[in-house]
């Protein structure tokens, strides 16, 4: 049976008028991916030089140095720039799979291949009744809008694990748990995917995550010294110049604030009067965000196949926006989760996803193009930060509102006896 015939059957026997065949709808995002990724490769290979700081230094210098240390069987000791969970070592060591290429070139090729896998997952999951190919387009556009930074960090590898975890959750909950745990040991944030697990699958997903996390973390702790050193480095980070809290100091500079921007714990941070207070406020906001998410989870009753993705998107938006650090690559997390949300035709996350895409377009302007203006708090730099962070705040509020309205029944709904699936807090379809 051809793809076109399958599409027609799913819609009642005939393809909708004016709707392109399934193969054509697949070819369009693939073609766009090929063109945009060729441009990204030319940029990271510095055939085309993007204005601003060299975004590839993290790979060609920092990752390459870590590779030398990790190859000896130990994590970097007394290196405050190493702020990652132990499984991140696998991403840094991965260029060894292509020994015939220089380290940086091998890394870029592996990120490209990872990006291709993500697109394939999204396009495959976007076919069939109740699904949409919008998710594939979001993935294509979001990575392209972020520019070469997307390929000069290992965050796309983490995003790929998160996408696979969410898609596995539609039929293989234990695999979801294992992937979530592995993703969390790559870069922590995928642990937030556990918040949206349907009630009927919680025990299997959380159990698999606990077992996988314990085994993998234990193996690293036994085999490689300093496996948990990243915890101290994360604790001591300050207010990075691109974060929401940094706007206080960008504006305060115009009123005589006596502070400075300095390379601190691997990123450019504000140092001076009031910084500790703003950093504490950011941490308190993150705690409040977690409290709201827990409260939502306790109140949520209506779970659909897309709810885990919607909840993960809202949760990561909240923690990204309230973080003391908002590095450009963090937008990759949001793009990946937004793409999964939009695979479901019934999602209410379309508007927040559009705001994330807009924030991605602004992000490439603030870093690397006009990063000098951001660091020196010029009107252009402050304006870009106000716009980008404002878009993230708006997306966070909209996503949380949509998640609540979609999953938490109102007084009238609570007065109506629920059906068997709703009473269990799970959809009627198997999880």
Protein backbone atom coordinates (compact mmCIF):
# COMPACT_ATOMS: atom_id res chain seq x y z
CA UNK A 1 0.00 0.00 0.00
CA UNK A 2 1.44 3.39 -0.95
CA UNK A 3 1.77 6.31 1.45
CA UNK A 4 -0.88 8.19 -0.53
CA UNK A 5 -3.32 5.29 -0.26
CA UNK A 6 -2.74 5.03 3.46
CA UNK A 7 -3.40 8.74 3.87
CA UNK A 8 -6.60 8.46 1.90
CA UNK A 9 -7.81 5.51 3.95
CA UNK A 10 -7.20 7.38 7.20
CA UNK A 11 -9.34 10.28 5.98
CA UNK A 12 -12.29 8.22 4.84
CA UNK A 13 -11.17 6.84 1.48
CA UNK A 14 -10.04 9.91 -0.43
CA UNK A 15 -7.21 12.34 -0.01
CA UNK A 16 -8.44 15.85 0.81
CA UNK A 17 -8.59 18.16 -2.18
CA UNK A 18 -5.51 20.29 -2.58
CA UNK A 19 -3.49 18.29 -0.05
CA UNK A 20 -0.16 17.11 -1.48
CA UNK A 21 0.68 13.40 -1.45
CA UNK A 22 2.40 12.08 1.65
CA UNK A 23 5.72 11.64 -0.18
CA UNK A 24 5.70 15.27 -1.30
CA UNK A 25 4.90 16.47 2.22
CA UNK A 26 7.92 14.49 3.44
CA UNK A 27 10.26 15.72 0.72
CA UNK A 28 9.63 19.40 1.46
CA UNK A 29 10.97 19.41 5.06
CA UNK A 30 13.81 17.08 4.04
CA UNK A 31 14.83 19.45 1.25
CA UNK A 32 14.66 22.41 3.63
CA UNK A 33 16.75 20.46 6.14
CA UNK A 34 19.43 19.67 3.55
CA UNK A 35 19.75 23.31 2.46
CA UNK A 36 19.78 24.82 5.95
CA UNK A 37 22.15 22.22 7.37
CA UNK A 38 24.58 22.73 4.49
CA UNK A 39 24.64 26.40 5.47
CA UNK A 40 25.23 25.54 9.14
CA UNK A 41 28.12 23.24 8.21
CA UNK A 42 29.70 25.93 6.05
CA UNK A 43 29.46 28.29 9.02
CA UNK A 44 30.98 25.98 11.64
CA UNK A 45 33.70 24.98 9.18
CA UNK A 46 34.29 28.74 8.78
CA UNK A 47 33.86 28.74 5.04
CA UNK A 48 31.30 31.42 5.80
CA UNK A 49 32.23 33.49 8.81
CA UNK A 50 29.37 34.72 11.00
CA UNK A 51 30.00 38.11 12.66
CA UNK A 52 30.84 38.13 16.35
CA UNK A 53 32.81 35.69 18.51
CA UNK A 54 33.88 32.35 17.07
CA UNK A 55 31.17 29.95 18.23
CA UNK A 56 33.30 26.89 17.45
CA UNK A 57 35.86 27.59 20.21
CA UNK A 58 33.88 25.48 22.67
CA UNK A 59 34.45 22.44 20.45
CA UNK A 60 37.90 23.12 19.02
CA UNK A 61 39.45 24.21 22.33
CA UNK A 62 37.34 23.38 25.41
CA UNK A 63 35.84 20.06 24.28
CA UNK A 64 39.16 19.07 22.73
CA UNK A 65 40.95 19.69 26.04
CA UNK A 66 38.32 17.73 27.94
CA UNK A 67 38.73 14.92 25.41
CA UNK A 68 42.40 14.68 26.33
CA UNK A 69 41.58 14.38 30.04
CA UNK A 70 38.61 12.04 29.65
CA UNK A 71 40.67 9.75 27.42
CA UNK A 72 42.85 9.01 30.45
CA UNK A 73 39.86 7.55 32.32
CA UNK A 74 39.13 10.47 34.69
CA UNK A 75 36.91 13.52 34.70
CA UNK A 76 38.49 16.99 34.72
CA UNK A 77 39.57 17.83 38.29
CA UNK A 78 39.54 21.41 39.62
CA UNK A 79 38.09 22.63 36.31
CA UNK A 80 35.09 24.85 37.02
CA UNK A 81 34.10 24.85 33.35
CA UNK A 82 33.23 21.14 33.61
CA UNK A 83 29.65 21.47 34.83
CA UNK A 84 28.02 18.45 33.26
CA UNK A 85 26.74 15.09 34.51
CA UNK A 86 29.03 12.13 33.85
CA UNK A 87 27.36 10.81 30.69
CA UNK A 88 28.35 14.06 28.97
CA UNK A 89 31.76 12.42 28.68
CA UNK A 90 30.28 10.19 25.97
CA UNK A 91 29.39 13.23 23.86
CA UNK A 92 32.83 14.77 24.31
CA UNK A 93 34.55 11.46 23.48
CA UNK A 94 32.26 10.67 20.52
CA UNK A 95 34.60 12.12 17.83
CA UNK A 96 36.81 9.08 18.48
CA UNK A 97 34.25 7.24 16.32
CA UNK A 98 35.66 9.15 13.32
CA UNK A 99 39.43 8.97 13.90
CA UNK A 100 40.19 9.93 10.29
CA UNK A 101 38.83 13.47 10.90
CA UNK A 102 40.17 16.29 13.09
CA UNK A 103 38.35 16.46 16.42
CA UNK A 104 36.16 19.47 15.65
CA UNK A 105 35.21 18.26 12.17
CA UNK A 106 34.29 14.83 13.54
CA UNK A 107 32.13 16.47 16.20
CA UNK A 108 30.26 18.58 13.64
CA UNK A 109 29.62 15.52 11.46
CA UNK A 110 28.23 13.59 14.42
CA UNK A 111 25.92 16.46 15.36
CA UNK A 112 24.74 16.59 11.75
CA UNK A 113 23.95 12.86 11.84
CA UNK A 114 22.13 13.32 15.16
CA UNK A 115 20.11 16.14 13.65
CA UNK A 116 19.15 13.88 10.75
CA UNK A 117 17.98 11.18 13.17
CA UNK A 118 15.80 13.72 14.99
CA UNK A 119 14.18 14.78 11.72
CA UNK A 120 13.54 11.15 10.78
CA UNK A 121 11.90 10.50 14.17
CA UNK A 122 9.70 13.57 13.87
CA UNK A 123 8.59 12.83 10.31
CA UNK A 124 7.86 9.20 11.12
CA UNK A 125 5.87 10.11 14.23
CA UNK A 126 4.03 12.87 12.37
CA UNK A 127 2.20 10.51 10.00
CA UNK A 128 -1.11 8.86 10.70
CA UNK A 129 -4.47 9.91 12.15
CA UNK A 130 -4.34 12.65 14.77
CA UNK A 131 -0.78 13.56 13.85
CA UNK A 132 0.78 16.48 12.03
CA UNK A 133 4.02 17.14 10.16
CA UNK A 134 4.25 20.58 11.75
CA UNK A 135 6.63 19.06 14.27
CA UNK A 136 9.13 18.25 11.55
CA UNK A 137 8.97 21.80 10.25
CA UNK A 138 9.52 23.22 13.75
CA UNK A 139 12.63 21.05 14.10
CA UNK A 140 13.96 22.16 10.71
CA UNK A 141 13.28 25.85 11.30
CA UNK A 142 14.27 26.08 14.96
CA UNK A 143 17.77 24.67 14.56
CA UNK A 144 18.37 26.78 11.46
CA UNK A 145 17.25 29.97 13.21
CA UNK A 146 19.74 29.41 16.04
CA UNK A 147 22.58 29.50 13.55
CA UNK A 148 25.98 27.81 13.88
CA UNK A 149 25.81 27.60 17.68
CA UNK A 150 23.38 24.70 17.23
CA UNK A 151 26.15 22.58 15.72
CA UNK A 152 28.93 23.86 17.99
CA UNK A 153 27.54 22.40 21.23
CA UNK A 154 26.49 18.88 22.23
CA UNK A 155 22.94 19.94 23.13
CA UNK A 156 21.43 18.51 19.94
CA UNK A 157 22.57 15.09 21.09
CA UNK A 158 20.71 15.59 24.37
CA UNK A 159 17.64 16.87 22.54
CA UNK A 160 17.67 13.74 20.36
CA UNK A 161 17.50 11.52 23.46
CA UNK A 162 14.61 13.62 24.83
CA UNK A 163 12.68 13.39 21.56
CA UNK A 164 13.21 9.63 21.44
CA UNK A 165 12.04 9.33 25.06
CA UNK A 166 8.80 11.20 24.43
CA UNK A 167 8.04 9.26 21.26
CA UNK A 168 8.81 5.93 22.95
CA UNK A 169 6.33 6.86 25.68
CA UNK A 170 3.46 6.30 23.26
CA UNK A 171 3.93 2.54 23.51
CA UNK A 172 7.07 1.60 25.43
CA UNK A 173 7.05 3.25 28.87
CA UNK A 174 10.08 1.39 30.24
CA UNK A 175 12.17 2.52 27.28
CA UNK A 176 10.97 6.06 27.98
CA UNK A 177 12.21 5.82 31.56
CA UNK A 178 15.60 4.49 30.50
CA UNK A 179 16.04 7.23 27.90
CA UNK A 180 14.97 9.95 30.32
CA UNK A 181 17.53 8.77 32.87
CA UNK A 182 20.27 8.63 30.26
CA UNK A 183 19.33 12.09 29.00
CA UNK A 184 19.40 13.47 32.55
CA UNK A 185 22.91 12.08 32.95
CA UNK A 186 23.86 13.89 29.75
CA UNK A 187 22.54 17.31 30.80
CA UNK A 188 20.02 17.13 33.69
CA UNK A 189 17.03 18.87 32.06
CA UNK A 190 15.49 15.72 30.45
CA UNK A 191 14.59 14.63 34.00
CA UNK A 192 11.71 17.12 33.69
CA UNK A 193 10.07 14.77 31.18
CA UNK A 194 9.03 12.59 34.13
CA UNK A 195 6.52 15.21 35.27
CA UNK A 196 4.09 14.58 32.42
CA UNK A 197 3.99 10.79 32.45
CA UNK A 198 0.41 9.47 32.31
CA UNK A 199 -0.83 8.07 35.63
CA UNK A 200 -1.12 4.51 34.36
CA UNK A 201 2.53 4.49 33.25
CA UNK A 202 4.18 6.28 36.20
CA UNK A 203 5.40 3.17 37.98
CA UNK A 204 6.98 1.66 34.85
CA UNK A 205 8.54 4.90 33.57
CA UNK A 206 9.84 6.12 36.92
CA UNK A 207 11.03 2.64 37.88
CA UNK A 208 12.98 2.21 34.66
CA UNK A 209 14.44 5.70 35.08
CA UNK A 210 15.55 4.97 38.65
CA UNK A 211 17.20 1.68 37.70
CA UNK A 212 18.92 3.07 34.62
CA UNK A 213 20.10 6.20 36.39
CA UNK A 214 21.47 4.25 39.34
CA UNK A 215 23.32 1.75 37.17
CA UNK A 216 24.82 4.31 34.78
CA UNK A 217 25.76 6.80 37.50
CA UNK A 218 27.23 4.03 39.63
CA UNK A 219 29.27 2.74 36.71
CA UNK A 220 30.76 6.18 36.06
CA UNK A 221 31.43 6.78 39.76
CA UNK A 222 33.32 3.49 40.05
CA UNK A 223 35.17 3.64 36.74
CA UNK A 224 36.13 7.32 36.54
CA UNK A 225 37.27 9.61 39.40
CA UNK A 226 35.57 13.01 39.90
CA UNK A 227 32.30 11.84 38.31
CA UNK A 228 30.23 14.07 40.63
CA UNK A 229 32.46 17.16 40.55
CA UNK A 230 29.94 18.97 38.33
CA UNK A 231 27.58 19.46 41.28
CA UNK A 232 29.82 22.03 42.98
CA UNK A 233 30.44 23.99 39.79
CA UNK A 234 26.71 24.29 39.10
CA UNK A 235 26.01 25.41 42.67
CA UNK A 236 28.47 28.29 42.49
CA UNK A 237 27.37 29.82 39.18
CA UNK A 238 26.25 33.44 39.14
CA UNK A 239 24.08 35.64 36.91
CA UNK A 240 25.05 35.23 33.26
CA UNK A 241 24.73 38.25 30.96
CA UNK A 242 22.00 36.66 28.80
CA UNK A 243 19.71 35.57 31.64
CA UNK A 244 16.45 37.14 32.69
CA UNK A 245 17.96 38.40 35.95
CA UNK A 246 20.84 40.03 34.06
CA UNK A 247 18.40 42.60 32.68
CA UNK A 248 18.48 44.23 36.12
CA UNK A 249 22.17 44.98 35.72
CA UNK A 250 22.01 45.84 32.03
CA UNK A 251 19.58 48.62 32.94
CA UNK A 252 21.33 49.48 36.24
CA UNK A 253 24.50 50.31 34.33
CA UNK A 254 22.74 53.39 32.97
CA UNK A 255 22.15 54.55 36.53
CA UNK A 256 25.71 54.19 37.75
CA UNK A 257 25.80 50.60 38.95
CA UNK A 258 29.39 49.79 39.89
CA UNK A 259 29.85 46.25 38.68
CA UNK A 260 31.52 44.43 35.82
CA UNK A 261 31.21 41.56 33.38
CA UNK A 262 33.85 38.88 33.78
CA UNK A 263 34.48 35.34 32.58
CA UNK A 264 33.35 33.32 35.59
CA UNK A 265 32.66 29.57 35.76
CA UNK A 266 32.93 29.26 32.00
CA UNK A 267 30.54 32.06 31.00
CA UNK A 268 30.38 35.86 31.07
CA UNK A 269 28.63 36.86 34.28
CA UNK A 270 27.83 40.06 36.12
CA UNK A 271 29.89 40.53 39.27
CA UNK A 272 29.33 43.31 41.78
CA UNK A 273 26.77 44.76 44.22
CA UNK A 274 23.40 43.02 44.21
CA UNK A 275 24.39 40.10 42.00
CA UNK A 276 24.10 37.55 44.79
CA UNK A 277 20.57 38.76 45.55
CA UNK A 278 19.44 38.53 41.94
CA UNK A 279 20.97 35.05 41.63
CA UNK A 280 19.10 33.98 44.75
CA UNK A 281 15.87 35.42 43.36
CA UNK A 282 16.35 33.39 40.17
CA UNK A 283 16.79 30.23 42.21
CA UNK A 284 13.66 31.03 44.21
CA UNK A 285 11.73 31.52 40.97
CA UNK A 286 12.89 28.08 39.83
CA UNK A 287 11.67 26.61 43.13
CA UNK A 288 8.30 28.30 42.65
CA UNK A 289 8.16 26.93 39.11
CA UNK A 290 8.78 23.43 40.44
CA UNK A 291 6.08 23.96 43.06
CA UNK A 292 3.57 24.98 40.40
CA UNK A 293 4.46 21.96 38.28
CA UNK A 294 3.95 19.61 41.23
CA UNK A 295 0.62 21.30 42.02
CA UNK A 296 -0.42 20.96 38.38
CA UNK A 297 0.46 17.31 38.42
CA UNK A 298 -1.64 16.69 41.52
CA UNK A 299 -4.64 18.45 39.94
CA UNK A 300 -4.32 17.12 36.38
CA UNK A 301 -6.94 14.57 35.39
CA UNK A 302 -7.21 14.65 31.60
CA UNK A 303 -4.26 13.00 29.86
CA UNK A 304 -4.07 12.63 26.09
CA UNK A 305 -1.25 11.11 23.99
CA UNK A 306 0.27 14.59 23.64
CA UNK A 307 0.13 15.56 27.33
CA UNK A 308 3.64 14.25 28.22
CA UNK A 309 5.18 16.42 25.50
CA UNK A 310 3.09 19.45 26.45
CA UNK A 311 4.06 19.09 30.11
CA UNK A 312 7.75 18.64 29.27
CA UNK A 313 7.69 21.73 27.04
CA UNK A 314 6.06 23.86 29.74
CA UNK A 315 8.41 22.57 32.45
CA UNK A 316 11.60 23.16 30.46
CA UNK A 317 10.35 26.60 29.43
CA UNK A 318 9.87 27.53 33.08
CA UNK A 319 13.28 26.31 34.17
CA UNK A 320 15.07 27.83 31.19
CA UNK A 321 13.44 31.22 31.67
CA UNK A 322 14.06 31.39 35.43
CA UNK A 323 17.62 30.05 35.23
CA UNK A 324 20.64 32.12 36.25
CA UNK A 325 22.10 31.18 32.86
CA UNK A 326 20.36 31.21 29.48
CA UNK A 327 22.99 30.13 26.99
CA UNK A 328 21.97 30.23 23.29
CA UNK A 329 22.04 26.44 22.98
CA UNK A 330 19.33 26.14 25.64
CA UNK A 331 16.87 27.14 22.93
CA UNK A 332 17.61 23.81 21.25
CA UNK A 333 15.89 22.05 24.15
CA UNK A 334 12.78 24.14 23.65
CA UNK A 335 12.76 23.70 19.87
CA UNK A 336 12.99 19.92 20.20
CA UNK A 337 10.14 19.71 22.74
CA UNK A 338 7.99 22.16 20.78
CA UNK A 339 8.48 19.97 17.71
CA UNK A 340 7.17 16.90 19.55
CA UNK A 341 4.18 18.88 20.87
CA UNK A 342 3.21 19.93 17.37
CA UNK A 343 3.19 16.34 16.13
CA UNK A 344 -0.26 16.09 17.75
CA UNK A 345 -3.10 17.89 15.98
CA UNK A 346 -4.89 18.56 19.28
CA UNK A 347 -2.00 20.33 21.01
CA UNK A 348 -2.52 23.76 22.53
CA UNK A 349 1.19 24.58 22.35
CA UNK A 350 1.26 26.07 18.85
CA UNK A 351 1.44 29.70 20.02
CA UNK A 352 4.18 29.11 22.62
CA UNK A 353 6.08 27.16 19.94
CA UNK A 354 5.90 30.13 17.58
CA UNK A 355 7.24 32.38 20.34
CA UNK A 356 10.14 29.97 20.88
CA UNK A 357 10.95 30.10 17.16
CA UNK A 358 10.89 33.90 17.34
CA UNK A 359 13.15 33.80 20.41
CA UNK A 360 15.53 31.55 18.47
CA UNK A 361 15.74 34.10 15.67
CA UNK A 362 16.54 36.84 18.17
CA UNK A 363 19.06 34.61 19.94
CA UNK A 364 21.31 34.32 16.89
CA UNK A 365 21.40 38.11 16.80
CA UNK A 366 22.37 38.49 20.47
CA UNK A 367 24.90 35.66 20.10
CA UNK A 368 27.10 35.71 18.18
CA UNK A 369 26.24 38.64 15.90
CA UNK A 370 25.82 41.46 18.44
CA UNK A 371 27.25 39.78 21.51
CA UNK A 372 29.67 42.65 22.05
CA UNK A 373 26.67 44.96 22.44
CA UNK A 374 25.11 42.58 24.97
CA UNK A 375 28.28 42.40 27.06
CA UNK A 376 28.68 46.20 27.09
CA UNK A 377 24.93 46.85 27.62
CA UNK A 378 24.49 49.14 24.62
CA UNK A 379 20.89 50.09 23.75
CA UNK A 380 20.97 47.51 20.94
CA UNK A 381 22.25 44.78 23.25
CA UNK A 382 19.75 45.57 26.01
CA UNK A 383 16.94 45.74 23.46
CA UNK A 384 17.80 42.30 22.09
CA UNK A 385 17.89 40.82 25.58
CA UNK A 386 14.57 42.42 26.51
CA UNK A 387 13.00 41.04 23.34
CA UNK A 388 14.43 37.52 23.57
CA UNK A 389 13.77 37.07 27.28
CA UNK A 390 10.36 38.71 26.96
CA UNK A 391 9.44 36.14 24.31
CA UNK A 392 10.54 33.34 26.64
CA UNK A 393 8.50 34.74 29.53
CA UNK A 394 5.43 35.06 27.32
CA UNK A 395 5.91 31.53 25.94
CA UNK A 396 6.26 30.15 29.49
CA UNK A 397 3.06 31.79 30.71
CA UNK A 398 1.10 30.76 27.63
CA UNK A 399 2.36 27.16 27.80
CA UNK A 400 1.49 26.83 31.49
CA UNK A 401 -1.97 28.32 30.95
CA UNK A 402 -2.62 25.96 28.03
CA UNK A 403 -1.39 22.94 29.98
CA UNK A 404 -3.64 23.78 32.94
CA UNK A 405 -6.73 24.43 30.85
CA UNK A 406 -6.24 21.24 28.85
CA UNK A 407 -5.63 18.86 31.74
CA UNK A 408 -7.24 20.26 34.90
CA UNK A 409 -11.05 20.01 34.90
CA UNK A 410 -13.07 23.02 35.99
CA UNK A 411 -15.87 22.95 38.59
CA UNK A 412 -18.49 21.99 35.99
CA UNK A 413 -16.31 19.15 34.70
CA UNK A 414 -15.64 17.86 38.22
CA UNK A 415 -19.39 17.69 38.85
CA UNK A 416 -19.77 15.31 35.89
CA UNK A 417 -18.96 11.64 36.59
CA UNK A 418 -15.86 10.79 34.54
CA UNK A 419 -15.60 7.87 32.18
CA UNK A 420 -13.34 4.92 32.95
CA UNK A 421 -10.30 6.39 31.18
CA UNK A 422 -10.67 9.86 32.67
CA UNK A 423 -11.22 8.45 36.15
CA UNK A 424 -7.93 6.62 35.90
CA UNK A 425 -6.23 9.80 34.71
CA UNK A 426 -5.08 8.13 31.51
CA UNK A 427 -6.23 8.16 27.90
CA UNK A 428 -8.25 5.30 26.53
CA UNK A 429 -5.47 4.37 24.13
CA UNK A 430 -2.62 2.16 25.42
CA UNK A 431 0.39 3.97 26.83
